[in-house]
Amino acid sequence: MPTKPLLLLLLILTGCSVGEVPEPSSGIDISDSYPQYWEYNDKPVLLLGGSDEDNLFQLPGLEQQLDLLASVGGNYIRNTMSSRDSGNVWAFHLDPESGKFNLNEWNQEYWNRFQSLLEFAAQREIVVQVEIWATFDFYRENWEVNPFNPKNNMNYSAERTSLPLKVETHPTMCENTFFWSVPSHQNNMPLLNYQQRFVDKLLSHSLKFDNVLYCIDNETSVTAEWGKFWSEYIRKRARESGKTIHVTEMWDPWDLDHISHRESFDHPETYSFVEISQNNHQRGQNQWDNGLRQIEKLRLAGKLRPVNNVKTYGNYAGRHGGGTHNGIQSFIRSALFGSAAVRFHRPNSGLGLGDTAQAVIRGMRMATDRIDFFHAKPHNELLLEREENEAYCRAVPGKDYLVYFPDKGEVQLDVSPSKSGLEVERLEILTGKWEIMKIEEKDRPIALQSPGKHFIFILQSPSKN
């Protein structure tokens, strides 16, 4: 991006008025120095987060949730534009006489809540990843009460739009034609008109802020044309407002090698970052190996850009993610193998922003801030006598080493490029307790031993300090 003086010079040379181009904004952007990561206000940043709801703008006590997240070093949330939970409101006005929604009139409470979320998050420098179409709101029991269902509004009929009145199948069956309205599919103008109004209204709020990332859908199984259409549309609307935004899509398949995911990986012109939350259905070493492989695939293709993990599964009470222990591991491994953003999914599919999630976010912020994180890279080859899923290393060899143990274990760390006198600290993630370790270095490599679950060792050359 041109610097401000260069931009002004270009305007003069091309005869454009300075007043025609808005001031360059900072906020969230892809880092020039580290394109695998985000930067916020011109500084590289690792996004870490968790929240107790996905449609966070609908949550009572919103400010307290954001204050809590910020207090533990968190700076990343997910916000689906969903209305399917108890106490939620819909985007459209409900006519009291007919009992039907009027899609030409807004429910201001819905948009006030969204505006408040964006304002509160911006004040705390928290990045909001907005999901425009909350897929599950359009299927099964949620479709029964959705304002877009023809039986629930006064604006169009099922006959006019070819929309179903009932959809009893899972979204993977793709049986709601709501997601086939775009010109390259059904070109369903009566429906598309109201979809566009909804998106325009959303953007009228979000484009005022510089802390917003965009995701088109949640776990979609429809064709690539739907996501491509909306990505192009919102990016054009942003450009017309003098802004650049970043957009991704979230595909449903758990296997990141599924061909649907290639629509994100292979098309940076459509999706400027990649969302790989479904990788967190993998367990142990597989989750690390697969995530690392996806980043390397982007690098080799010359399309390296941020890879986000907005949903980390795992809760002892949940049905996804292999329980709390694996959820913690997945979060930490994602940050260390190179995800630009990592967040705990809501309970009970994830740890949300409960006590355990707070401890992990706080610990990871402290640990990653201790090292030259953005220069560091995954270096498991430096861990000798390592068993599968025993330990993970991110390092700037000769300078900084971060070694994470998911459980009890012992490995040998090759620090051969380093000078003698490495300083060693050990962090117990779940308690936040740091210890200065005394380790005998004369017989290298260095032996590191974890006494229990979720310990991190930081080794640094004294010349760093």
Protein backbone atom coordinates (compact mmCIF):
# COMPACT_ATOMS: atom_id res chain seq x y z
CA MET A 1 0.00 0.00 0.00
CA PRO A 2 1.44 3.46 -0.88
CA THR A 3 2.48 5.70 1.98
CA LYS A 4 0.30 8.73 2.60
CA PRO A 5 2.73 11.23 0.95
CA LEU A 6 3.07 8.97 -2.09
CA LEU A 7 -0.69 8.59 -2.26
CA LEU A 8 -1.13 12.37 -2.27
CA LEU A 9 1.48 12.71 -5.04
CA LEU A 10 -0.31 10.12 -7.16
CA LEU A 11 -3.58 11.99 -6.71
CA ILE A 12 -2.01 15.25 -7.87
CA LEU A 13 -0.35 13.65 -10.90
CA THR A 14 -3.58 11.94 -11.97
CA GLY A 15 -5.64 15.07 -11.45
CA CYS A 16 -7.78 13.60 -8.67
CA SER A 17 -9.05 15.71 -5.84
CA VAL A 18 -7.61 14.84 -2.46
CA GLY A 19 -11.10 15.02 -1.06
CA GLU A 20 -12.23 12.13 -3.28
CA VAL A 21 -10.08 9.59 -1.45
CA PRO A 22 -10.57 8.84 2.25
CA GLU A 23 -7.77 8.91 4.75
CA PRO A 24 -5.83 5.64 4.86
CA SER A 25 -7.06 3.53 7.78
CA SER A 26 -5.08 1.27 10.04
CA GLY A 27 -6.89 -1.37 12.08
CA ILE A 28 -6.76 -5.00 10.92
CA ASP A 29 -4.79 -5.86 7.79
CA ILE A 30 -2.42 -8.51 6.46
CA SER A 31 1.10 -7.85 7.69
CA ASP A 32 3.54 -6.60 5.04
CA SER A 33 6.50 -8.09 6.92
CA TYR A 34 4.83 -11.36 7.93
CA PRO A 35 2.07 -12.13 5.36
CA GLN A 36 1.14 -15.29 7.24
CA TYR A 37 -0.10 -13.04 10.06
CA TRP A 38 -2.34 -10.07 10.69
CA GLU A 39 -1.26 -6.64 11.81
CA TYR A 40 -3.33 -4.27 13.88
CA ASN A 41 -2.58 -0.55 13.76
CA ASP A 42 0.57 -1.32 11.75
CA LYS A 43 2.03 -3.84 14.23
CA PRO A 44 2.07 -7.64 13.74
CA VAL A 45 -0.37 -9.35 16.05
CA LEU A 46 -1.34 -12.89 17.04
CA LEU A 47 -5.11 -13.08 17.49
CA LEU A 48 -6.23 -15.18 20.48
CA GLY A 49 -9.78 -15.43 21.73
CA GLY A 50 -12.76 -17.20 23.18
CA SER A 51 -16.37 -16.33 23.95
CA ASP A 52 -19.41 -17.90 25.54
CA GLU A 53 -21.58 -17.36 22.46
CA ASP A 54 -21.01 -17.28 18.71
CA ASN A 55 -23.64 -14.62 18.05
CA LEU A 56 -21.97 -12.47 20.66
CA PHE A 57 -23.88 -9.30 19.76
CA GLN A 58 -27.02 -10.95 21.18
CA LEU A 59 -25.36 -11.74 24.53
CA PRO A 60 -26.55 -9.93 27.69
CA GLY A 61 -23.55 -8.62 29.57
CA LEU A 62 -21.61 -8.07 26.36
CA GLU A 63 -19.24 -5.47 27.77
CA GLN A 64 -18.29 -7.70 30.70
CA GLN A 65 -17.48 -10.53 28.30
CA LEU A 66 -15.22 -8.29 26.23
CA ASP A 67 -13.58 -6.83 29.33
CA LEU A 68 -12.86 -10.33 30.56
CA LEU A 69 -11.36 -11.35 27.24
CA ALA A 70 -9.14 -8.26 27.10
CA SER A 71 -8.03 -8.77 30.70
CA VAL A 72 -6.43 -12.13 29.84
CA GLY A 73 -4.75 -10.89 26.66
CA GLY A 74 -7.49 -11.90 24.22
CA ASN A 75 -8.16 -9.85 21.10
CA TYR A 76 -10.34 -11.99 18.79
CA ILE A 77 -14.03 -12.95 18.72
CA ARG A 78 -16.50 -14.57 16.37
CA ASN A 79 -19.89 -13.01 15.66
CA THR A 80 -22.47 -14.90 13.63
CA MET A 81 -25.48 -12.82 12.63
CA SER A 82 -27.66 -15.53 14.13
CA SER A 83 -31.00 -15.23 15.92
CA ARG A 84 -31.78 -18.84 16.78
CA ASP A 85 -31.18 -18.83 20.55
CA SER A 86 -33.57 -17.96 23.33
CA GLY A 87 -33.70 -14.21 23.98
CA ASN A 88 -32.36 -13.33 20.52
CA VAL A 89 -34.05 -10.84 18.22
CA TRP A 90 -34.39 -10.97 14.43
CA ALA A 91 -33.22 -8.29 12.01
CA PHE A 92 -36.70 -7.41 10.70
CA HIS A 93 -39.75 -5.71 12.17
CA LEU A 94 -42.54 -8.01 13.37
CA ASP A 95 -45.93 -6.56 12.52
CA PRO A 96 -48.13 -6.97 15.61
CA GLU A 97 -51.40 -7.09 13.68
CA SER A 98 -50.52 -9.76 11.12
CA GLY A 99 -47.94 -11.56 13.25
CA LYS A 100 -45.61 -11.54 10.24
CA PHE A 101 -42.27 -9.91 9.56
CA ASN A 102 -41.97 -6.97 7.21
CA LEU A 103 -38.68 -7.35 5.34
CA ASN A 104 -38.86 -3.69 4.32
CA GLU A 105 -38.60 -2.55 7.94
CA TRP A 106 -35.80 -3.20 10.40
CA ASN A 107 -35.94 -4.29 13.99
CA GLN A 108 -33.71 -1.54 15.35
CA GLU A 109 -32.86 -3.52 18.47
CA TYR A 110 -31.04 -6.13 16.37
CA TRP A 111 -28.90 -3.50 14.67
CA ASN A 112 -28.32 -1.55 17.88
CA ARG A 113 -26.89 -4.72 19.40
CA PHE A 114 -24.60 -5.22 16.42
CA GLN A 115 -23.45 -1.61 16.52
CA SER A 116 -22.71 -1.89 20.24
CA LEU A 117 -20.61 -5.00 19.71
CA LEU A 118 -18.52 -3.28 17.05
CA GLU A 119 -18.04 -0.18 19.20
CA PHE A 120 -17.16 -2.07 22.38
CA ALA A 121 -14.73 -4.35 20.52
CA ALA A 122 -13.02 -1.44 18.76
CA GLN A 123 -12.54 0.36 22.07
CA ARG A 124 -10.68 -2.70 23.37
CA GLU A 125 -8.79 -3.39 20.11
CA ILE A 126 -10.56 -6.71 19.72
CA VAL A 127 -10.95 -8.05 16.18
CA VAL A 128 -14.43 -9.26 15.22
CA GLN A 129 -14.82 -12.03 12.64
CA VAL A 130 -18.37 -11.55 11.34
CA GLU A 131 -20.23 -14.46 9.71
CA ILE A 132 -22.87 -13.00 7.46
CA TRP A 133 -25.10 -16.02 6.81
CA ALA A 134 -25.70 -18.17 9.88
CA THR A 135 -26.26 -21.42 7.99
CA PHE A 136 -28.13 -23.29 10.71
CA ASP A 137 -30.72 -20.49 11.03
CA PHE A 138 -32.03 -21.60 7.65
CA TYR A 139 -32.66 -25.28 8.37
CA ARG A 140 -35.02 -27.48 10.39
CA GLU A 141 -36.70 -25.88 13.42
CA ASN A 142 -34.87 -22.58 12.93
CA TRP A 143 -36.27 -22.17 9.42
CA GLU A 144 -39.75 -22.57 10.89
CA VAL A 145 -39.41 -19.17 12.59
CA ASN A 146 -36.96 -17.42 10.24
CA PRO A 147 -38.28 -14.14 8.72
CA PHE A 148 -37.00 -15.20 5.27
CA ASN A 149 -39.38 -18.19 5.30
CA PRO A 150 -42.30 -17.14 3.04
CA LYS A 151 -44.89 -18.17 5.62
CA ASN A 152 -43.35 -15.75 8.14
CA ASN A 153 -43.25 -12.53 6.10
CA MET A 154 -45.68 -10.29 4.22
CA ASN A 155 -43.33 -9.55 1.32
CA TYR A 156 -43.24 -12.62 -0.91
CA SER A 157 -44.78 -16.04 -1.33
CA ALA A 158 -43.36 -19.52 -1.66
CA GLU A 159 -44.66 -19.63 -5.22
CA ARG A 160 -42.94 -16.39 -6.18
CA THR A 161 -39.57 -17.30 -4.66
CA SER A 162 -39.58 -21.10 -4.86
CA LEU A 163 -38.52 -21.15 -1.23
CA PRO A 164 -39.60 -24.15 0.87
CA LEU A 165 -41.88 -23.73 3.87
CA LYS A 166 -40.19 -26.65 5.62
CA VAL A 167 -36.60 -27.90 5.52
CA GLU A 168 -36.27 -30.97 7.69
CA THR A 169 -32.76 -32.01 6.64
CA HIS A 170 -29.28 -31.06 7.84
CA PRO A 171 -27.55 -28.20 5.98
CA THR A 172 -25.17 -30.67 4.33
CA MET A 173 -28.11 -31.78 2.19
CA CYS A 174 -28.35 -28.25 0.69
CA GLU A 175 -32.15 -28.44 0.38
CA ASN A 176 -32.93 -24.82 1.19
CA THR A 177 -32.94 -22.88 -2.07
CA PHE A 178 -32.27 -19.72 -0.06
CA PHE A 179 -28.60 -20.38 -0.90
CA TRP A 180 -29.23 -20.68 -4.64
CA SER A 181 -30.60 -17.20 -5.28
CA VAL A 182 -27.50 -15.63 -6.86
CA PRO A 183 -27.44 -14.73 -10.60
CA SER A 184 -25.19 -17.67 -11.55
CA HIS A 185 -27.75 -20.08 -10.06
CA GLN A 186 -31.48 -19.31 -9.95
CA ASN A 187 -31.21 -15.51 -10.29
CA ASN A 188 -34.06 -15.31 -7.80
CA MET A 189 -34.64 -11.56 -7.89
CA PRO A 190 -37.46 -11.24 -5.32
CA LEU A 191 -35.38 -13.09 -2.73
CA LEU A 192 -32.03 -11.61 -3.75
CA ASN A 193 -33.46 -8.14 -3.26
CA TYR A 194 -34.01 -8.77 0.45
CA GLN A 195 -30.75 -10.64 0.89
CA GLN A 196 -28.96 -7.62 -0.57
CA ARG A 197 -30.84 -5.26 1.77
CA PHE A 198 -29.70 -7.34 4.76
CA VAL A 199 -26.07 -7.33 3.65
CA ASP A 200 -26.16 -3.61 2.85
CA LYS A 201 -27.55 -2.87 6.30
CA LEU A 202 -24.86 -4.99 7.94
CA LEU A 203 -22.14 -3.16 5.98
CA SER A 204 -23.62 0.22 6.85
CA HIS A 205 -22.57 -0.57 10.42
CA SER A 206 -19.43 -2.64 9.99
CA LEU A 207 -17.67 -0.52 7.38
CA LYS A 208 -17.40 2.28 9.93
CA PHE A 209 -14.92 0.14 11.85
CA ASP A 210 -11.39 -1.09 11.16
CA ASN A 211 -11.44 -4.15 13.45
CA VAL A 212 -13.70 -6.39 11.32
CA LEU A 213 -12.96 -9.53 9.30
CA TYR A 214 -15.68 -11.18 7.22
CA CYS A 215 -16.72 -14.80 6.70
CA ILE A 216 -19.56 -15.53 4.29
CA ASP A 217 -21.04 -18.66 5.90
CA ASN A 218 -20.81 -21.13 8.74
CA GLU A 219 -19.87 -24.66 7.62
CA THR A 220 -21.36 -24.33 4.17
CA SER A 221 -21.93 -27.18 1.72
CA VAL A 222 -23.41 -25.19 -1.17
CA THR A 223 -21.54 -24.45 -4.38
CA ALA A 224 -18.68 -21.98 -4.59
CA GLU A 225 -20.79 -19.54 -6.64
CA TRP A 226 -22.78 -18.40 -3.60
CA GLY A 227 -19.74 -17.47 -1.51
CA LYS A 228 -17.92 -15.96 -4.47
CA PHE A 229 -20.89 -13.74 -5.28
CA TRP A 230 -21.16 -12.33 -1.76
CA SER A 231 -17.41 -11.96 -1.32
CA GLU A 232 -17.16 -9.93 -4.52
CA TYR A 233 -20.20 -7.91 -3.56
CA ILE A 234 -19.08 -6.87 -0.07
CA ARG A 235 -15.54 -6.12 -1.29
CA LYS A 236 -16.96 -3.86 -4.01
CA ARG A 237 -19.19 -2.11 -1.48
CA ALA A 238 -16.16 -1.61 0.75
CA ARG A 239 -14.12 -0.13 -2.11
CA GLU A 240 -16.96 2.27 -2.84
CA SER A 241 -16.57 3.42 0.76
CA GLY A 242 -12.82 3.81 0.33
CA LYS A 243 -11.95 0.73 2.38
CA THR A 244 -10.25 -2.61 1.90
CA ILE A 245 -11.73 -5.55 3.79
CA HIS A 246 -10.68 -9.18 4.22
CA VAL A 247 -13.06 -12.04 3.48
CA THR A 248 -13.05 -15.82 3.84
CA GLU A 249 -15.44 -18.78 3.60
CA MET A 250 -15.95 -21.64 6.05
CA TRP A 251 -16.53 -25.00 4.38
CA ASP A 252 -18.15 -27.96 6.11
CA PRO A 253 -15.85 -30.95 5.32
CA TRP A 254 -13.55 -31.93 8.19
CA ASP A 255 -10.90 -33.01 5.70
CA LEU A 256 -8.99 -29.89 4.59
CA ASP A 257 -7.91 -31.75 1.45
CA HIS A 258 -11.55 -31.92 0.35
CA ILE A 259 -11.91 -30.12 -2.96
CA SER A 260 -14.35 -27.56 -1.52
CA HIS A 261 -11.58 -26.08 0.66
CA ARG A 262 -9.52 -25.40 -2.46
CA GLU A 263 -11.97 -22.61 -3.29
CA SER A 264 -10.43 -20.72 -0.38
CA PHE A 265 -6.85 -21.94 -0.69
CA ASP A 266 -6.57 -21.41 -4.44
CA HIS A 267 -8.40 -18.10 -4.83
CA PRO A 268 -6.82 -15.23 -2.88
CA GLU A 269 -8.54 -12.85 -5.29
CA THR A 270 -11.84 -13.99 -3.71
CA TYR A 271 -10.76 -14.94 -0.19
CA SER A 272 -7.87 -12.93 1.23
CA PHE A 273 -7.53 -15.25 4.23
CA VAL A 274 -8.28 -18.91 4.88
CA GLU A 275 -10.49 -20.38 7.60
CA ILE A 276 -9.47 -23.90 8.74
CA SER A 277 -11.50 -24.46 11.92
CA GLN A 278 -12.57 -27.88 10.68
CA ASN A 279 -8.97 -29.00 11.16
CA ASN A 280 -9.74 -28.99 14.88
CA HIS A 281 -11.79 -32.15 14.44
CA GLN A 282 -8.39 -33.84 14.05
CA ARG A 283 -6.69 -35.24 17.14
CA GLY A 284 -3.18 -35.00 18.52
CA GLN A 285 -0.27 -35.01 16.12
CA ASN A 286 -2.63 -35.17 13.13
CA GLN A 287 -4.03 -31.74 13.95
CA TRP A 288 -0.51 -30.23 13.97
CA ASP A 289 0.71 -32.06 10.86
CA ASN A 290 -2.37 -31.26 8.82
CA GLY A 291 -2.45 -27.59 9.79
CA LEU A 292 1.25 -27.19 9.09
CA ARG A 293 0.82 -28.91 5.72
CA GLN A 294 -1.94 -26.49 4.68
CA ILE A 295 0.27 -23.48 5.43
CA GLU A 296 3.14 -25.03 3.52
CA LYS A 297 0.79 -25.68 0.59
CA LEU A 298 -0.06 -21.98 0.51
CA ARG A 299 3.62 -21.06 0.73
CA LEU A 300 4.67 -23.34 -2.14
CA ALA A 301 1.83 -22.03 -4.31
CA GLY A 302 2.93 -18.44 -3.72
CA LYS A 303 -0.39 -17.69 -1.99
CA LEU A 304 0.70 -17.44 1.65
CA ARG A 305 -1.74 -15.41 3.73
CA PRO A 306 -3.36 -15.61 7.18
CA VAL A 307 -4.95 -18.90 8.24
CA ASN A 308 -7.58 -18.51 10.99
CA ASN A 309 -9.02 -21.01 13.45
CA VAL A 310 -12.19 -19.31 14.73
CA LYS A 311 -13.58 -22.51 16.30
CA THR A 312 -11.43 -24.72 18.53
CA TYR A 313 -13.51 -27.69 19.65
CA GLY A 314 -13.14 -29.62 22.89
CA ASN A 315 -15.08 -29.60 26.16
CA TYR A 316 -15.62 -32.41 28.64
CA ALA A 317 -19.40 -31.88 28.24
CA GLY A 318 -19.42 -31.57 24.45
CA ARG A 319 -19.79 -34.01 21.59
CA HIS A 320 -16.97 -32.54 19.46
CA GLY A 321 -13.25 -32.16 20.00
CA GLY A 322 -12.19 -35.06 22.19
CA GLY A 323 -12.78 -33.32 25.52
CA THR A 324 -11.17 -30.46 27.41
CA HIS A 325 -7.62 -31.81 27.31
CA ASN A 326 -7.63 -32.11 23.53
CA GLY A 327 -9.32 -28.71 23.16
CA ILE A 328 -6.47 -27.06 25.07
CA GLN A 329 -3.89 -28.91 22.99
CA SER A 330 -5.59 -27.95 19.73
CA PHE A 331 -5.65 -24.26 20.67
CA ILE A 332 -1.96 -24.21 21.62
CA ARG A 333 -0.81 -26.32 18.67
CA SER A 334 -2.74 -24.07 16.25
CA ALA A 335 -0.95 -20.98 17.54
CA LEU A 336 2.44 -22.67 17.41
CA PHE A 337 2.17 -24.24 13.94
CA GLY A 338 1.32 -20.85 12.47
CA SER A 339 -2.37 -19.97 12.66
CA ALA A 340 -2.84 -16.23 12.52
CA ALA A 341 -5.92 -16.37 14.77
CA VAL A 342 -7.15 -18.98 17.26
CA ARG A 343 -10.36 -18.95 19.29
CA PHE A 344 -12.14 -21.33 21.65
CA HIS A 345 -15.57 -22.35 20.33
CA ARG A 346 -18.62 -21.67 22.53
CA PRO A 347 -19.66 -24.20 25.20
CA ASN A 348 -20.40 -26.96 25.15
CA SER A 349 -18.66 -27.66 21.86
CA GLY A 350 -15.67 -25.67 23.12
CA LEU A 351 -14.30 -23.99 26.22
CA GLY A 352 -15.74 -20.56 25.44
CA LEU A 353 -14.35 -18.03 27.88
CA GLY A 354 -14.55 -20.13 31.02
CA ASP A 355 -11.79 -20.36 33.62
CA THR A 356 -9.76 -22.88 31.63
CA ALA A 357 -9.99 -20.88 28.42
CA GLN A 358 -8.95 -17.73 30.27
CA ALA A 359 -5.90 -19.48 31.69
CA VAL A 360 -4.83 -20.79 28.29
CA ILE A 361 -5.28 -17.45 26.52
CA ARG A 362 -3.37 -15.65 29.28
CA GLY A 363 -0.60 -18.23 29.25
CA MET A 364 -0.24 -18.23 25.48
CA ARG A 365 -0.11 -14.45 25.35
CA MET A 366 2.64 -14.40 27.98
CA ALA A 367 4.61 -17.19 26.33
CA THR A 368 4.39 -15.90 22.76
CA ASP A 369 5.25 -12.37 23.89
CA ARG A 370 8.41 -13.77 25.54
CA ILE A 371 9.97 -14.78 22.21
CA ASP A 372 10.53 -13.29 18.76
CA PHE A 373 7.30 -14.97 17.75
CA PHE A 374 6.84 -13.73 14.19
CA HIS A 375 10.38 -14.62 13.16
CA ALA A 376 10.08 -18.02 14.84
CA LYS A 377 8.93 -21.11 12.94
CA PRO A 378 7.89 -24.67 13.81
CA HIS A 379 11.03 -26.74 14.45
CA ASN A 380 10.06 -30.15 15.77
CA GLU A 381 13.21 -31.58 14.17
CA LEU A 382 15.10 -29.97 17.07
CA LEU A 383 13.32 -32.28 19.52
CA LEU A 384 15.32 -35.48 19.86
CA GLU A 385 13.95 -38.73 21.32
CA ARG A 386 10.47 -37.31 20.81
CA GLU A 387 7.39 -39.54 20.67
CA GLU A 388 4.23 -38.72 18.74
CA ASN A 389 2.34 -35.77 20.26
CA GLU A 390 4.86 -35.59 23.11
CA ALA A 391 6.19 -32.07 22.54
CA TYR A 392 6.18 -29.27 19.97
CA CYS A 393 8.82 -26.65 19.22
CA ARG A 394 8.67 -23.16 17.73
CA ALA A 395 12.03 -21.44 17.53
CA VAL A 396 14.46 -18.96 16.10
CA PRO A 397 17.43 -21.36 16.30
CA GLY A 398 20.31 -19.88 18.21
CA LYS A 399 18.10 -17.25 19.83
CA ASP A 400 14.63 -18.30 21.04
CA TYR A 401 13.03 -21.68 21.71
CA LEU A 402 9.48 -22.38 22.85
CA VAL A 403 8.70 -26.03 23.64
CA TYR A 404 5.16 -27.14 24.55
CA PHE A 405 4.31 -30.41 26.30
CA PRO A 406 0.62 -31.46 26.15
CA ASP A 407 1.28 -33.97 28.94
CA LYS A 408 4.10 -35.52 30.94
CA GLY A 409 7.15 -36.19 28.83
CA GLU A 410 10.85 -35.71 28.27
CA VAL A 411 12.74 -34.71 25.14
CA GLN A 412 16.21 -33.57 24.19
CA LEU A 413 16.37 -30.10 22.61
CA ASP A 414 19.08 -29.47 20.04
CA VAL A 415 20.39 -25.95 20.72
CA SER A 416 23.67 -26.37 18.85
CA PRO A 417 23.61 -22.92 17.15
CA SER A 418 23.18 -21.22 20.54
CA LYS A 419 25.88 -19.77 22.71
CA SER A 420 26.31 -21.18 26.19
CA GLY A 421 24.32 -19.81 29.09
CA LEU A 422 20.79 -20.15 27.75
CA GLU A 423 18.20 -18.80 30.17
CA VAL A 424 15.37 -21.26 30.77
CA GLU A 425 11.89 -20.60 32.13
CA ARG A 426 8.99 -22.99 32.56
CA LEU A 427 5.33 -21.97 32.48
CA GLU A 428 2.47 -24.08 33.76
CA ILE A 429 -0.27 -22.88 31.41
CA LEU A 430 -3.27 -23.73 33.59
CA THR A 431 -1.96 -21.94 36.70
CA GLY A 432 0.10 -19.17 35.11
CA LYS A 433 3.04 -20.11 37.34
CA TRP A 434 6.52 -19.34 35.99
CA GLU A 435 9.70 -20.97 37.23
CA ILE A 436 13.31 -20.23 36.38
CA MET A 437 14.93 -23.56 35.59
CA LYS A 438 18.51 -24.56 36.17
CA ILE A 439 19.56 -26.92 33.40
CA GLU A 440 23.00 -28.38 32.86
CA GLU A 441 24.17 -27.28 29.42
CA LYS A 442 27.66 -28.69 29.17
CA ASP A 443 26.38 -31.93 27.68
CA ARG A 444 24.16 -30.72 24.88
CA PRO A 445 21.44 -31.32 23.71
CA ILE A 446 19.41 -30.02 26.68
CA ALA A 447 17.01 -32.35 28.46
CA LEU A 448 13.54 -30.90 29.04
CA GLN A 449 11.06 -32.70 31.27
CA SER A 450 7.39 -31.86 31.76
CA PRO A 451 5.93 -32.89 35.15
CA GLY A 452 2.32 -32.81 33.94
CA LYS A 453 -0.20 -31.41 31.46
CA HIS A 454 0.33 -28.24 29.46
CA PHE A 455 3.78 -26.96 30.32
CA ILE A 456 5.81 -24.58 28.15
CA PHE A 457 9.59 -24.10 28.28
CA ILE A 458 11.14 -20.87 27.04
CA LEU A 459 14.88 -20.93 26.31
CA GLN A 460 16.64 -17.73 25.28
CA SER A 461 20.10 -16.43 24.67
CA PRO A 462 21.12 -13.85 27.31
CA SER A 463 22.05 -11.48 24.47
CA LYS A 464 18.31 -11.05 23.80
CA ASN A 465 17.76 -9.13 27.02
